[in-house]
C-alpha atoms as a PDB file:
ATOM      1  CA  MET A   1       0.113  -0.038   0.086  1.00  0.00           C
ATOM      2  CA  HIS A   2       1.025   3.413  -0.775  1.00  0.00           C
ATOM      3  CA  VAL A   3       0.522   6.385   1.421  1.00  0.00           C
ATOM      4  CA  TRP A   4       0.354   9.670  -0.545  1.00  0.00           C
ATOM      5  CA  GLN A   5       1.042  12.844   1.765  1.00  0.00           C
ATOM      6  CA  THR A   6      -0.534  16.062   0.783  1.00  0.00           C
ATOM      7  CA  SER A   7      -0.820  19.727   2.395  1.00  0.00           C
ATOM      8  CA  CYS A   8      -4.136  18.745   4.188  1.00  0.00           C
ATOM      9  CA  ARG A   9      -4.124  14.441   4.685  1.00  0.00           C
ATOM     10  CA  LYS A  10      -2.302  11.533   4.032  1.00  0.00           C
ATOM     11  CA  ILE A  11      -4.106   9.642   1.490  1.00  0.00           C
ATOM     12  CA  ASP A  12      -4.129   5.858   2.212  1.00  0.00           C
ATOM     13  CA  ILE A  13      -3.759   3.961  -1.627  1.00  0.00           C
ATOM     14  CA  ASP A  14      -5.108   0.730  -0.788  1.00  0.00           C
ATOM     15  CA  ARG A  15      -7.215   0.826  -4.122  1.00  0.00           C
ATOM     16  CA  PRO A  16      -7.392   2.769  -7.379  1.00  0.00           C
ATOM     17  CA  LEU A  17      -8.008   5.662  -6.841  1.00  0.00           C
ATOM     18  CA  VAL A  18     -10.232   7.919  -9.495  1.00  0.00           C
ATOM     19  CA  MET A  19      -9.174  11.725 -10.104  1.00  0.00           C
ATOM     20  CA  GLY A  20     -12.087  13.619 -11.551  1.00  0.00           C
ATOM     21  CA  ILE A  21     -11.327  15.887 -14.208  1.00  0.00           C
ATOM     22  CA  LEU A  22     -12.832  19.205 -14.278  1.00  0.00           C
ATOM     23  CA  ASN A  23     -12.007  21.721 -16.863  1.00  0.00           C
ATOM     24  CA  VAL A  24     -13.351  25.167 -15.678  1.00  0.00           C
ATOM     25  CA  THR A  25     -11.884  26.397 -19.529  1.00  0.00           C
ATOM     26  CA  PRO A  26     -13.553  27.448 -22.761  1.00  0.00           C
ATOM     27  CA  ASP A  27     -11.416  25.828 -24.775  1.00  0.00           C
ATOM     28  CA  SER A  28     -10.436  21.991 -23.492  1.00  0.00           C
ATOM     29  CA  PHE A  29     -10.259  19.698 -25.907  1.00  0.00           C
ATOM     30  CA  SER A  30     -13.564  17.474 -24.362  1.00  0.00           C
ATOM     31  CA  ASP A  31     -16.037  19.363 -22.280  1.00  0.00           C
ATOM     32  CA  GLY A  32     -14.877  22.884 -22.735  1.00  0.00           C
ATOM     33  CA  GLY A  33     -17.091  25.464 -21.719  1.00  0.00           C
ATOM     34  CA  ARG A  34     -19.496  23.206 -20.139  1.00  0.00           C
ATOM     35  CA  PHE A  35     -17.907  24.096 -16.264  1.00  0.00           C
ATOM     36  CA  ASP A  36     -16.912  27.877 -16.040  1.00  0.00           C
ATOM     37  CA  SER A  37     -18.691  29.043 -13.999  1.00  0.00           C
ATOM     38  CA  ILE A  38     -19.245  28.751  -9.998  1.00  0.00           C
ATOM     39  CA  ASP A  39     -22.306  26.790 -10.328  1.00  0.00           C
ATOM     40  CA  THR A  40     -21.395  24.756 -12.712  1.00  0.00           C
ATOM     41  CA  ALA A  41     -18.355  23.221 -10.876  1.00  0.00           C
ATOM     42  CA  ILE A  42     -19.957  22.997  -8.067  1.00  0.00           C
ATOM     43  CA  ARG A  43     -22.661  20.868  -9.602  1.00  0.00           C
ATOM     44  CA  ARG A  44     -20.408  19.218 -11.490  1.00  0.00           C
ATOM     45  CA  ALA A  45     -17.766  18.235  -8.632  1.00  0.00           C
ATOM     46  CA  GLU A  46     -20.583  16.979  -5.890  1.00  0.00           C
ATOM     47  CA  GLU A  47     -22.286  14.978  -9.097  1.00  0.00           C
ATOM     48  CA  MET A  48     -18.502  13.263  -9.283  1.00  0.00           C
ATOM     49  CA  ILE A  49     -18.260  12.445  -5.600  1.00  0.00           C
ATOM     50  CA  GLY A  50     -21.121  10.878  -6.096  1.00  0.00           C
ATOM     51  CA  GLN A  51     -20.467   8.558  -8.589  1.00  0.00           C
ATOM     52  CA  GLY A  52     -17.141   7.751  -6.334  1.00  0.00           C
ATOM     53  CA  ALA A  53     -14.252  10.147  -7.397  1.00  0.00           C
ATOM     54  CA  ASP A  54     -11.432  10.148  -4.512  1.00  0.00           C
ATOM     55  CA  ILE A  55     -10.110  13.592  -5.682  1.00  0.00           C
ATOM     56  CA  ILE A  56     -11.026  16.256  -8.123  1.00  0.00           C
ATOM     57  CA  ASP A  57      -8.508  18.016 -10.599  1.00  0.00           C
ATOM     58  CA  ILE A  58      -9.685  21.221 -11.894  1.00  0.00           C
ATOM     59  CA  GLY A  59      -7.506  22.704 -14.474  1.00  0.00           C
ATOM     60  CA  GLY A  60      -7.973  26.395 -15.722  1.00  0.00           C
ATOM     61  CA  GLU A  61      -5.245  25.776 -19.031  1.00  0.00           C
ATOM     62  CA  SER A  62      -6.325  23.644 -22.206  1.00  0.00           C
ATOM     63  CA  THR A  63      -3.526  21.511 -22.776  1.00  0.00           C
ATOM     64  CA  ARG A  64      -4.840  20.189 -25.725  1.00  0.00           C
ATOM     65  CA  PRO A  65      -2.723  20.082 -29.191  1.00  0.00           C
ATOM     66  CA  GLY A  66      -3.021  23.842 -30.480  1.00  0.00           C
ATOM     67  CA  SER A  67      -3.838  25.531 -27.097  1.00  0.00           C
ATOM     68  CA  ARG A  68      -2.646  28.689 -26.719  1.00  0.00           C
ATOM     69  CA  ARG A  69      -1.159  29.814 -23.134  1.00  0.00           C
ATOM     70  CA  VAL A  70      -3.540  31.479 -20.775  1.00  0.00           C
ATOM     71  CA  ALA A  71      -1.524  34.480 -18.670  1.00  0.00           C
ATOM     72  CA  THR A  72      -1.696  33.438 -15.232  1.00  0.00           C
ATOM     73  CA  ALA A  73      -3.400  35.820 -13.809  1.00  0.00           C
ATOM     74  CA  GLU A  74      -6.409  34.749 -16.318  1.00  0.00           C
ATOM     75  CA  GLU A  75      -5.647  31.100 -14.895  1.00  0.00           C
ATOM     76  CA  ALA A  76      -5.612  32.153 -11.318  1.00  0.00           C
ATOM     77  CA  LEU A  77      -8.716  33.758 -12.186  1.00  0.00           C
ATOM     78  CA  ARG A  78     -10.526  30.975 -13.584  1.00  0.00           C
ATOM     79  CA  VAL A  79      -9.237  28.592 -11.093  1.00  0.00           C
ATOM     80  CA  VAL A  80      -9.228  30.117  -7.487  1.00  0.00           C
ATOM     81  CA  PRO A  81     -13.086  30.976  -6.884  1.00  0.00           C
ATOM     82  CA  VAL A  82     -13.863  27.306  -7.726  1.00  0.00           C
ATOM     83  CA  ILE A  83     -11.556  25.344  -5.889  1.00  0.00           C
ATOM     84  CA  GLU A  84     -12.617  27.980  -2.559  1.00  0.00           C
ATOM     85  CA  ALA A  85     -15.909  26.745  -3.108  1.00  0.00           C
ATOM     86  CA  ILE A  86     -15.678  23.227  -3.916  1.00  0.00           C
ATOM     87  CA  SER A  87     -13.279  22.982  -0.923  1.00  0.00           C
ATOM     88  CA  LYS A  88     -16.137  25.241   1.560  1.00  0.00           C
ATOM     89  CA  ARG A  89     -19.007  22.454   0.199  1.00  0.00           C
ATOM     90  CA  PHE A  90     -17.080  19.605   0.036  1.00  0.00           C
ATOM     91  CA  ASP A  91     -14.444  17.259   1.940  1.00  0.00           C
ATOM     92  CA  ILE A  92     -12.637  16.194  -1.034  1.00  0.00           C
ATOM     93  CA  PRO A  93      -8.797  16.093  -2.035  1.00  0.00           C
ATOM     94  CA  ILE A  94      -8.501  18.961  -4.169  1.00  0.00           C
ATOM     95  CA  SER A  95      -5.425  19.037  -7.239  1.00  0.00           C
ATOM     96  CA  ILE A  96      -4.682  21.995  -9.197  1.00  0.00           C
ATOM     97  CA  ASP A  97      -3.772  21.185 -12.825  1.00  0.00           C
ATOM     98  CA  THR A  98      -0.869  23.599 -13.645  1.00  0.00           C
ATOM     99  CA  SER A  99       2.002  24.345 -14.575  1.00  0.00           C
ATOM    100  CA  LYS A 100       2.818  27.909 -12.916  1.00  0.00           C
ATOM    101  CA  ALA A 101       4.089  28.149  -9.785  1.00  0.00           C
ATOM    102  CA  GLU A 102       1.791  31.413  -9.079  1.00  0.00           C
ATOM    103  CA  VAL A 103      -1.068  29.388  -9.949  1.00  0.00           C
ATOM    104  CA  ALA A 104      -0.317  26.598  -8.125  1.00  0.00           C
ATOM    105  CA  ALA A 105       0.289  28.706  -4.591  1.00  0.00           C
ATOM    106  CA  LEU A 106      -3.056  30.651  -5.114  1.00  0.00           C
ATOM    107  CA  ALA A 107      -4.635  27.452  -5.600  1.00  0.00           C
ATOM    108  CA  ILE A 108      -3.268  25.801  -2.383  1.00  0.00           C
ATOM    109  CA  ASN A 109      -4.231  29.219  -0.202  1.00  0.00           C
ATOM    110  CA  ALA A 110      -7.477  28.649  -2.128  1.00  0.00           C
ATOM    111  CA  GLY A 111      -7.937  24.905  -0.887  1.00  0.00           C
ATOM    112  CA  ALA A 112      -6.362  22.749  -3.115  1.00  0.00           C
ATOM    113  CA  GLU A 113      -3.592  19.926  -2.004  1.00  0.00           C
ATOM    114  CA  ILE A 114      -2.114  18.557  -4.741  1.00  0.00           C
ATOM    115  CA  ILE A 115      -0.217  20.001  -7.238  1.00  0.00           C
ATOM    116  CA  ASN A 116      -0.699  18.390 -10.545  1.00  0.00           C
ATOM    117  CA  ASP A 117       1.779  19.145 -12.937  1.00  0.00           C
ATOM    118  CA  ILE A 118       2.394  17.985 -16.702  1.00  0.00           C
ATOM    119  CA  SER A 119       5.846  19.524 -17.674  1.00  0.00           C
ATOM    120  CA  GLY A 120       7.141  17.472 -14.094  1.00  0.00           C
ATOM    121  CA  LEU A 121       9.065  20.470 -13.230  1.00  0.00           C
ATOM    122  CA  ARG A 122      10.610  21.728 -16.521  1.00  0.00           C
ATOM    123  CA  TRP A 123       8.877  24.726 -17.202  1.00  0.00           C
ATOM    124  CA  ASP A 124       8.764  26.039 -13.614  1.00  0.00           C
ATOM    125  CA  GLU A 125      11.336  24.458 -11.121  1.00  0.00           C
ATOM    126  CA  ARG A 126       9.603  26.991  -8.114  1.00  0.00           C
ATOM    127  CA  ILE A 127       6.481  24.656  -8.273  1.00  0.00           C
ATOM    128  CA  ALA A 128       8.912  22.179  -6.060  1.00  0.00           C
ATOM    129  CA  ASN A 129       9.279  25.308  -3.740  1.00  0.00           C
ATOM    130  CA  VAL A 130       5.543  25.669  -3.520  1.00  0.00           C
ATOM    131  CA  THR A 131       5.341  22.247  -3.162  1.00  0.00           C
ATOM    132  CA  ALA A 132       7.903  21.749  -0.760  1.00  0.00           C
ATOM    133  CA  GLU A 133       6.732  24.839   1.626  1.00  0.00           C
ATOM    134  CA  SER A 134       3.477  23.618   1.577  1.00  0.00           C
ATOM    135  CA  GLY A 135       3.532  20.432   1.715  1.00  0.00           C
ATOM    136  CA  ALA A 136       1.071  19.525  -1.120  1.00  0.00           C
ATOM    137  CA  GLY A 137       0.980  16.000  -2.963  1.00  0.00           C
ATOM    138  CA  LEU A 138       2.694  16.439  -6.594  1.00  0.00           C
ATOM    139  CA  VAL A 139       2.124  15.046  -9.679  1.00  0.00           C
ATOM    140  CA  LEU A 140       5.062  14.563 -11.759  1.00  0.00           C
ATOM    141  CA  MET A 141       3.400  13.639 -15.463  1.00  0.00           C
ATOM    142  CA  HIS A 142       6.140  13.469 -18.467  1.00  0.00           C
ATOM    143  CA  SER A 143       5.978  15.728 -21.571  1.00  0.00           C
ATOM    144  CA  ARG A 144       8.525  16.906 -24.048  1.00  0.00           C
ATOM    145  CA  GLY A 145       9.419  20.087 -25.172  1.00  0.00           C
ATOM    146  CA  SER A 146       7.725  23.509 -24.462  1.00  0.00           C
ATOM    147  CA  PHE A 147       4.065  23.829 -24.321  1.00  0.00           C
ATOM    148  CA  GLU A 148       3.830  25.304 -27.972  1.00  0.00           C
ATOM    149  CA  THR A 149       5.616  21.856 -28.853  1.00  0.00           C
ATOM    150  CA  MET A 150       5.196  19.304 -26.667  1.00  0.00           C
ATOM    151  CA  HIS A 151       2.520  17.557 -29.301  1.00  0.00           C
ATOM    152  CA  GLU A 152       4.590  18.226 -31.904  1.00  0.00           C
ATOM    153  CA  HIS A 153       8.124  16.292 -31.355  1.00  0.00           C
ATOM    154  CA  PRO A 154       8.702  13.285 -33.471  1.00  0.00           C
ATOM    155  CA  PRO A 155       8.317  10.132 -32.078  1.00  0.00           C
ATOM    156  CA  VAL A 156      11.786   9.199 -29.592  1.00  0.00           C
ATOM    157  CA  ALA A 157      12.786   5.734 -30.616  1.00  0.00           C
ATOM    158  CA  ASP A 158      12.494   4.228 -27.189  1.00  0.00           C
ATOM    159  CA  ILE A 159       9.717   5.253 -25.373  1.00  0.00           C
ATOM    160  CA  VAL A 160      10.244   3.513 -22.146  1.00  0.00           C
ATOM    161  CA  ALA A 161      13.627   4.848 -21.481  1.00  0.00           C
ATOM    162  CA  GLU A 162      12.646   7.834 -22.350  1.00  0.00           C
ATOM    163  CA  ILE A 163       9.943   8.172 -19.773  1.00  0.00           C
ATOM    164  CA  GLU A 164      12.718   6.214 -17.234  1.00  0.00           C
ATOM    165  CA  THR A 165      14.481   9.176 -17.827  1.00  0.00           C
ATOM    166  CA  GLY A 166      12.058  12.100 -17.821  1.00  0.00           C
ATOM    167  CA  LEU A 167      10.527  11.287 -14.708  1.00  0.00           C
ATOM    168  CA  ASP A 168      14.063  10.842 -13.232  1.00  0.00           C
ATOM    169  CA  SER A 169      14.819  14.150 -13.715  1.00  0.00           C
ATOM    170  CA  SER A 170      11.693  15.389 -12.936  1.00  0.00           C
ATOM    171  CA  VAL A 171      11.720  13.300  -9.323  1.00  0.00           C
ATOM    172  CA  ALA A 172      15.347  14.951  -8.667  1.00  0.00           C
ATOM    173  CA  ILE A 173      14.013  18.424  -9.616  1.00  0.00           C
ATOM    174  CA  ALA A 174      11.699  17.575  -6.223  1.00  0.00           C
ATOM    175  CA  LEU A 175      13.704  15.616  -4.036  1.00  0.00           C
ATOM    176  CA  ARG A 176      16.388  18.387  -4.114  1.00  0.00           C
ATOM    177  CA  ASN A 177      14.005  21.413  -3.429  1.00  0.00           C
ATOM    178  CA  GLY A 178      13.042  19.397  -0.365  1.00  0.00           C
ATOM    179  CA  VAL A 179       9.963  17.923  -1.642  1.00  0.00           C
ATOM    180  CA  GLU A 180      10.018  14.345   0.327  1.00  0.00           C
ATOM    181  CA  GLY A 181       9.165  11.421  -1.801  1.00  0.00           C
ATOM    182  CA  ALA A 182       5.685  10.548   0.213  1.00  0.00           C
ATOM    183  CA  GLN A 183       4.222  13.468  -1.553  1.00  0.00           C
ATOM    184  CA  ILE A 184       5.121  12.538  -5.050  1.00  0.00           C
ATOM    185  CA  VAL A 185       3.231  10.393  -8.084  1.00  0.00           C
ATOM    186  CA  LEU A 186       4.299  10.008 -11.280  1.00  0.00           C
ATOM    187  CA  ASP A 187       1.864   9.904 -14.312  1.00  0.00           C
ATOM    188  CA  ILE A 188       3.753   8.825 -17.968  1.00  0.00           C
ATOM    189  CA  GLY A 189       1.796  11.406 -20.106  1.00  0.00           C
ATOM    190  CA  ILE A 190      -0.554   9.375 -22.416  1.00  0.00           C
ATOM    191  CA  GLY A 191      -1.287  11.344 -25.373  1.00  0.00           C
ATOM    192  CA  PHE A 192       1.975  14.509 -24.716  1.00  0.00           C
ATOM    193  CA  GLY A 193       4.461  13.930 -27.722  1.00  0.00           C
ATOM    194  CA  LYS A 194       3.611  10.130 -28.277  1.00  0.00           C
ATOM    195  CA  THR A 195       2.311   8.166 -30.970  1.00  0.00           C
ATOM    196  CA  VAL A 196      -0.819   5.574 -30.907  1.00  0.00           C
ATOM    197  CA  ASP A 197       1.701   3.134 -30.680  1.00  0.00           C
ATOM    198  CA  GLN A 198       3.538   4.221 -27.941  1.00  0.00           C
ATOM    199  CA  ASN A 199       0.759   5.107 -26.101  1.00  0.00           C
ATOM    200  CA  LEU A 200      -0.540   1.384 -26.498  1.00  0.00           C
ATOM    201  CA  GLU A 201       2.994   0.122 -24.921  1.00  0.00           C
ATOM    202  CA  LEU A 202       3.474   2.425 -22.292  1.00  0.00           C
ATOM    203  CA  LEU A 203       0.043   1.129 -21.219  1.00  0.00           C
ATOM    204  CA  ALA A 204       0.996  -2.260 -21.585  1.00  0.00           C
ATOM    205  CA  LYS A 205       4.423  -2.286 -20.279  1.00  0.00           C
ATOM    206  CA  LEU A 206       3.126  -0.082 -17.637  1.00  0.00           C
ATOM    207  CA  ASP A 207       4.080  -2.683 -14.753  1.00  0.00           C
ATOM    208  CA  LYS A 208       7.324  -2.647 -15.637  1.00  0.00           C
ATOM    209  CA  ILE A 209       7.889   1.455 -15.592  1.00  0.00           C
ATOM    210  CA  GLY A 210       5.705   0.939 -12.270  1.00  0.00           C
ATOM    211  CA  GLU A 211       8.897  -1.717 -11.215  1.00  0.00           C
ATOM    212  CA  TYR A 212      11.304   0.795 -11.854  1.00  0.00           C
ATOM    213  CA  PHE A 213       9.744   3.515  -9.782  1.00  0.00           C
ATOM    214  CA  SER A 214       8.460   1.511  -6.955  1.00  0.00           C
ATOM    215  CA  PRO A 215       8.461   3.646  -3.834  1.00  0.00           C
ATOM    216  CA  TYR A 216       5.554   5.927  -6.032  1.00  0.00           C
ATOM    217  CA  PRO A 217       2.073   5.403  -6.803  1.00  0.00           C
ATOM    218  CA  MET A 218       1.735   5.740 -10.804  1.00  0.00           C
ATOM    219  CA  LEU A 219      -1.306   7.199 -11.995  1.00  0.00           C
ATOM    220  CA  ALA A 220      -2.406   6.959 -15.804  1.00  0.00           C
ATOM    221  CA  GLY A 221      -5.021   9.766 -17.802  1.00  0.00           C
ATOM    222  CA  ALA A 222      -6.139   7.747 -20.925  1.00  0.00           C
ATOM    223  CA  SER A 223      -9.618   9.128 -20.715  1.00  0.00           C
ATOM    224  CA  ARG A 224     -11.093  10.612 -23.921  1.00  0.00           C
ATOM    225  CA  LYS A 225      -7.695  10.638 -25.577  1.00  0.00           C
ATOM    226  CA  SER A 226      -7.395  10.984 -29.460  1.00  0.00           C
ATOM    227  CA  PHE A 227      -5.445   7.627 -29.613  1.00  0.00           C
ATOM    228  CA  ILE A 228      -8.638   6.116 -28.516  1.00  0.00           C
ATOM    229  CA  GLY A 229     -10.099   8.028 -30.970  1.00  0.00           C
ATOM    230  CA  GLN A 230      -7.920   6.801 -33.682  1.00  0.00           C
ATOM    231  CA  LEU A 231      -8.201   2.837 -32.829  1.00  0.00           C
ATOM    232  CA  LEU A 232     -12.102   3.797 -33.360  1.00  0.00           C
ATOM    233  CA  ASP A 233     -12.238   5.109 -36.611  1.00  0.00           C
ATOM    234  CA  GLY A 234     -12.272   8.467 -35.749  1.00  0.00           C
ATOM    235  CA  VAL A 235     -14.648   9.249 -33.298  1.00  0.00           C
ATOM    236  CA  SER A 236     -15.373  12.164 -31.597  1.00  0.00           C
ATOM    237  CA  ALA A 237     -13.815  12.704 -27.795  1.00  0.00           C
ATOM    238  CA  ASP A 238     -17.705  12.368 -26.569  1.00  0.00           C
ATOM    239  CA  GLU A 239     -17.717   9.003 -27.943  1.00  0.00           C
ATOM    240  CA  ARG A 240     -14.539   7.445 -26.657  1.00  0.00           C
ATOM    241  CA  LEU A 241     -16.014   5.641 -23.185  1.00  0.00           C
ATOM    242  CA  TYR A 242     -15.779   2.382 -23.818  1.00  0.00           C
ATOM    243  CA  GLY A 243     -11.859   2.410 -24.976  1.00  0.00           C
ATOM    244  CA  SER A 244     -11.262   5.305 -21.892  1.00  0.00           C
ATOM    245  CA  ILE A 245     -12.983   2.460 -19.581  1.00  0.00           C
ATOM    246  CA  ALA A 246     -10.773  -0.320 -21.341  1.00  0.00           C
ATOM    247  CA  SER A 247      -7.328   1.764 -21.363  1.00  0.00           C
ATOM    248  CA  ALA A 248      -8.581   2.037 -17.295  1.00  0.00           C
ATOM    249  CA  ALA A 249      -8.800  -1.211 -16.577  1.00  0.00           C
ATOM    250  CA  ILE A 250      -5.643  -1.976 -18.416  1.00  0.00           C
ATOM    251  CA  ALA A 251      -3.838   0.556 -16.840  1.00  0.00           C
ATOM    252  CA  VAL A 252      -5.330  -1.019 -13.220  1.00  0.00           C
ATOM    253  CA  TRP A 253      -4.140  -4.461 -13.999  1.00  0.00           C
ATOM    254  CA  ASN A 254      -0.390  -3.361 -14.965  1.00  0.00           C
ATOM    255  CA  GLY A 255      -0.340  -1.469 -11.363  1.00  0.00           C
ATOM    256  CA  ALA A 256      -2.121   2.138 -11.834  1.00  0.00           C
ATOM    257  CA  TRP A 257      -3.132   3.195  -8.398  1.00  0.00           C
ATOM    258  CA  ILE A 258      -4.583   6.256  -9.817  1.00  0.00           C
ATOM    259  CA  ILE A 259      -6.752   7.045 -12.926  1.00  0.00           C
ATOM    260  CA  ARG A 260      -7.569  10.554 -14.074  1.00  0.00           C
ATOM    261  CA  VAL A 261     -10.837  10.364 -15.762  1.00  0.00           C
ATOM    262  CA  HIS A 262     -13.840  12.245 -17.089  1.00  0.00           C
ATOM    263  CA  ASP A 263     -16.444   9.393 -16.805  1.00  0.00           C
ATOM    264  CA  VAL A 264     -16.461   9.017 -13.646  1.00  0.00           C
ATOM    265  CA  ARG A 265     -18.980   6.177 -12.570  1.00  0.00           C
ATOM    266  CA  GLU A 266     -18.454   4.335 -15.432  1.00  0.00           C
ATOM    267  CA  THR A 267     -14.888   4.127 -14.862  1.00  0.00           C
ATOM    268  CA  ALA A 268     -14.910   3.481 -10.796  1.00  0.00           C
ATOM    269  CA  ASP A 269     -17.647   0.129 -11.592  1.00  0.00           C
ATOM    270  CA  ALA A 270     -15.074  -0.925 -14.294  1.00  0.00           C
ATOM    271  CA  ILE A 271     -11.876  -0.469 -12.209  1.00  0.00           C
ATOM    272  CA  LYS A 272     -13.342  -2.029  -8.937  1.00  0.00           C
ATOM    273  CA  VAL A 273     -13.443  -4.970 -10.502  1.00  0.00           C
ATOM    274  CA  VAL A 274     -10.200  -5.249 -12.290  1.00  0.00           C
ATOM    275  CA  ALA A 275      -8.710  -4.129  -8.707  1.00  0.00           C
ATOM    276  CA  ALA A 276     -10.815  -7.163  -7.276  1.00  0.00           C
ATOM    277  CA  ILE A 277      -9.540  -9.761 -10.103  1.00  0.00           C
ATOM    278  CA  ARG A 278      -6.158  -8.400  -9.589  1.00  0.00           C
ATOM    279  CA  LYS A 279      -5.901  -9.271  -6.206  1.00  0.00           C
ATOM    280  CA  GLU A 280      -6.341 -12.655  -6.672  1.00  0.00           C
ATOM    281  CA  ARG A 281      -3.451 -12.754  -8.871  1.00  0.00           C
ATOM    282  CA  GLN A 282      -1.174 -11.545  -5.584  1.00  0.00           C
END
């Protein structure tokens, strides 16, 4: 069993956890504009909690291919009031999905207790300082390149080796800046600068990657990603439910402890069954 230390609690990870996605953006690839007011965000958070979400991951900057950076002040304006409202109403861990230290600090002050950085501290190393000073949980995701180029990099020859090297570097930065190992979760970064085949390879070999990073729980976020659409003859994002559930099930079977999803109830039910079967394999 893993224990994930956040700024508010210790989360016992004795079963796979569901991280529900709450994008308060106008342009996210799947749900942009649907939850960009405080009232709609609160209702969505309440709905996800009722469906079995263990963590709410709130983001104010879309990272879909072709998206543009949002100014720090604008991103904070989107997420801080929502975090304040949800944290006052519900006792559930809130994660802030950001790669900016200023936004992370404001979000933690507003009630978030986890920082989810898709750059793995590459774009703003000060996030490690915010994490160390606040005691927040920290998700380090693998990606390559800058915000503008991360979806355009040519594929590497060995994606597993690339993941191990990249996340090793991210962990080293975190530890060097005072983050404790118990605060860290690692994300393989499905869909970020990987080919369809590489995304499939990462899910298939997640158990080997998890063994390499054995002190840290692994997170997988394949929900509604474009590789699923490509495998299913080009279906739109809102038609990728079954492919997303299959990806989540395989990720849990191969050792993922946190699954980041849009469709909470369906995924929670599926991975509960997978986890029960996985337990019998031990």
